Amino acid sequence: MTREAFAAAVGLPLGVLTAQAERGYWPQITVGKRVFINVEAVRLKALERAQEFKL
């Protein structure tokens, strides 16, 4: 998913999301000169974290 679309989906300003992604907080994939957020990696990480809190 593009950074712009992901920022809109999660409700963050594009500048904040870009800064976080460049610091490594969001997994990125670069294809040529375009940069995408790896939504599947985000989903899997969220699933792992949810298992930590399961009772």
N, C-alpha and C. Protein backbone atom coordinates (compact mmCIF):
# COMPACT_ATOMS: atom_id res chain seq x y z
N MET A 1 0.85 -1.16 0.00
CA MET A 1 0.00 0.00 0.00
C MET A 1 0.90 1.23 0.00
N THR A 2 0.53 2.24 -0.73
CA THR A 2 1.35 3.46 -0.77
C THR A 2 1.35 4.13 0.60
N ARG A 3 2.36 4.93 0.84
CA ARG A 3 2.41 5.66 2.10
C ARG A 3 1.19 6.55 2.27
N GLU A 4 0.78 7.19 1.18
CA GLU A 4 -0.36 8.10 1.24
C GLU A 4 -1.64 7.35 1.63
N ALA A 5 -1.88 6.22 0.99
CA ALA A 5 -3.08 5.43 1.28
C ALA A 5 -3.03 4.87 2.70
N PHE A 6 -1.86 4.41 3.14
CA PHE A 6 -1.74 3.85 4.48
C PHE A 6 -1.94 4.93 5.53
N ALA A 7 -1.38 6.11 5.30
CA ALA A 7 -1.57 7.22 6.24
C ALA A 7 -3.05 7.57 6.38
N ALA A 8 -3.76 7.59 5.27
CA ALA A 8 -5.19 7.88 5.32
C ALA A 8 -5.94 6.76 6.03
N ALA A 9 -5.54 5.52 5.81
CA ALA A 9 -6.23 4.37 6.42
C ALA A 9 -6.07 4.34 7.94
N VAL A 10 -4.90 4.70 8.44
CA VAL A 10 -4.67 4.65 9.88
C VAL A 10 -4.90 5.99 10.56
N GLY A 11 -5.13 7.04 9.79
CA GLY A 11 -5.46 8.34 10.36
C GLY A 11 -4.27 9.16 10.82
N LEU A 12 -3.12 8.95 10.21
CA LEU A 12 -1.94 9.75 10.54
C LEU A 12 -1.66 10.74 9.42
N PRO A 13 -1.14 11.92 9.75
CA PRO A 13 -0.69 12.81 8.69
C PRO A 13 0.45 12.16 7.91
N LEU A 14 0.53 12.43 6.63
CA LEU A 14 1.54 11.81 5.77
C LEU A 14 2.96 12.10 6.26
N GLY A 15 3.23 13.30 6.72
CA GLY A 15 4.56 13.64 7.21
C GLY A 15 4.96 12.81 8.42
N VAL A 16 4.02 12.58 9.32
CA VAL A 16 4.30 11.78 10.51
C VAL A 16 4.57 10.34 10.11
N LEU A 17 3.73 9.79 9.23
CA LEU A 17 3.92 8.41 8.78
C LEU A 17 5.25 8.25 8.06
N THR A 18 5.61 9.19 7.21
CA THR A 18 6.87 9.13 6.48
C THR A 18 8.05 9.14 7.45
N ALA A 19 8.01 10.00 8.43
CA ALA A 19 9.10 10.07 9.42
C ALA A 19 9.20 8.77 10.20
N GLN A 20 8.06 8.22 10.61
CA GLN A 20 8.07 6.96 11.35
C GLN A 20 8.59 5.82 10.49
N ALA A 21 8.20 5.78 9.23
CA ALA A 21 8.64 4.72 8.32
C ALA A 21 10.15 4.81 8.09
N GLU A 22 10.67 6.01 7.96
CA GLU A 22 12.11 6.17 7.74
C GLU A 22 12.91 5.79 8.98
N ARG A 23 12.30 5.89 10.16
CA ARG A 23 12.96 5.46 11.40
C ARG A 23 12.82 3.97 11.64
N GLY A 24 12.02 3.29 10.82
CA GLY A 24 11.88 1.85 10.94
C GLY A 24 10.67 1.38 11.72
N TYR A 25 9.76 2.29 12.07
CA TYR A 25 8.58 1.89 12.83
C TYR A 25 7.56 1.15 11.97
N TRP A 26 7.55 1.38 10.67
CA TRP A 26 6.64 0.70 9.74
C TRP A 26 7.48 -0.03 8.71
N PRO A 27 7.15 -1.28 8.40
CA PRO A 27 7.91 -2.04 7.40
C PRO A 27 7.65 -1.49 6.00
N GLN A 28 8.71 -1.29 5.25
CA GLN A 28 8.60 -0.71 3.91
C GLN A 28 9.15 -1.65 2.85
N ILE A 29 8.64 -1.49 1.66
CA ILE A 29 9.14 -2.19 0.49
C ILE A 29 9.40 -1.11 -0.56
N THR A 30 10.58 -1.13 -1.15
CA THR A 30 10.91 -0.18 -2.20
C THR A 30 10.90 -0.91 -3.54
N VAL A 31 10.13 -0.39 -4.47
CA VAL A 31 10.06 -0.94 -5.82
C VAL A 31 10.42 0.19 -6.77
N GLY A 32 11.64 0.14 -7.29
CA GLY A 32 12.11 1.24 -8.11
C GLY A 32 12.28 2.47 -7.25
N LYS A 33 11.59 3.54 -7.62
CA LYS A 33 11.65 4.76 -6.82
C LYS A 33 10.43 4.92 -5.92
N ARG A 34 9.53 3.97 -5.97
CA ARG A 34 8.32 4.03 -5.14
C ARG A 34 8.52 3.26 -3.84
N VAL A 35 7.90 3.79 -2.77
CA VAL A 35 8.01 3.15 -1.47
C VAL A 35 6.61 2.79 -0.99
N PHE A 36 6.45 1.55 -0.55
CA PHE A 36 5.17 1.04 -0.09
C PHE A 36 5.30 0.56 1.35
N ILE A 37 4.20 0.64 2.08
CA ILE A 37 4.13 0.08 3.42
C ILE A 37 3.69 -1.37 3.28
N ASN A 38 4.39 -2.29 3.93
CA ASN A 38 4.08 -3.71 3.86
C ASN A 38 2.94 -4.01 4.84
N VAL A 39 1.72 -3.96 4.35
CA VAL A 39 0.54 -4.12 5.19
C VAL A 39 0.46 -5.54 5.76
N GLU A 40 0.88 -6.52 5.00
CA GLU A 40 0.85 -7.90 5.49
C GLU A 40 1.78 -8.08 6.68
N ALA A 41 2.95 -7.46 6.66
CA ALA A 41 3.87 -7.53 7.79
C ALA A 41 3.27 -6.84 9.01
N VAL A 42 2.57 -5.74 8.80
CA VAL A 42 1.90 -5.03 9.90
C VAL A 42 0.82 -5.94 10.50
N ARG A 43 0.05 -6.61 9.64
CA ARG A 43 -1.03 -7.49 10.09
C ARG A 43 -0.46 -8.66 10.91
N LEU A 44 0.61 -9.28 10.42
CA LEU A 44 1.21 -10.40 11.13
C LEU A 44 1.78 -9.98 12.48
N LYS A 45 2.41 -8.80 12.53
CA LYS A 45 2.97 -8.30 13.79
C LYS A 45 1.86 -8.02 14.79
N ALA A 46 0.73 -7.48 14.31
CA ALA A 46 -0.40 -7.22 15.19
C ALA A 46 -0.97 -8.52 15.73
N LEU A 47 -1.01 -9.54 14.90
CA LEU A 47 -1.50 -10.85 15.33
C LEU A 47 -0.59 -11.46 16.39
N GLU A 48 0.73 -11.33 16.20
CA GLU A 48 1.67 -11.82 17.20
C GLU A 48 1.50 -11.10 18.54
N ARG A 49 1.36 -9.79 18.46
CA ARG A 49 1.20 -9.00 19.69
C ARG A 49 -0.12 -9.32 20.39
N ALA A 50 -1.16 -9.61 19.62
CA ALA A 50 -2.45 -9.96 20.22
C ALA A 50 -2.36 -11.27 21.00
N GLN A 51 -1.52 -12.19 20.52
CA GLN A 51 -1.35 -13.47 21.20
C GLN A 51 -0.68 -13.30 22.57
N GLU A 52 0.13 -12.27 22.71
CA GLU A 52 0.79 -12.01 23.99
C GLU A 52 -0.20 -11.68 25.09
N PHE A 53 -1.33 -11.07 24.73
CA PHE A 53 -2.31 -10.60 25.70
C PHE A 53 -3.51 -11.52 25.82
N LYS A 54 -3.47 -12.64 25.13
CA LYS A 54 -4.59 -13.58 25.17
C LYS A 54 -4.62 -14.27 26.53
N LEU A 55 -5.80 -14.38 27.08
CA LEU A 55 -5.95 -15.03 28.40
C LEU A 55 -6.21 -16.51 28.26
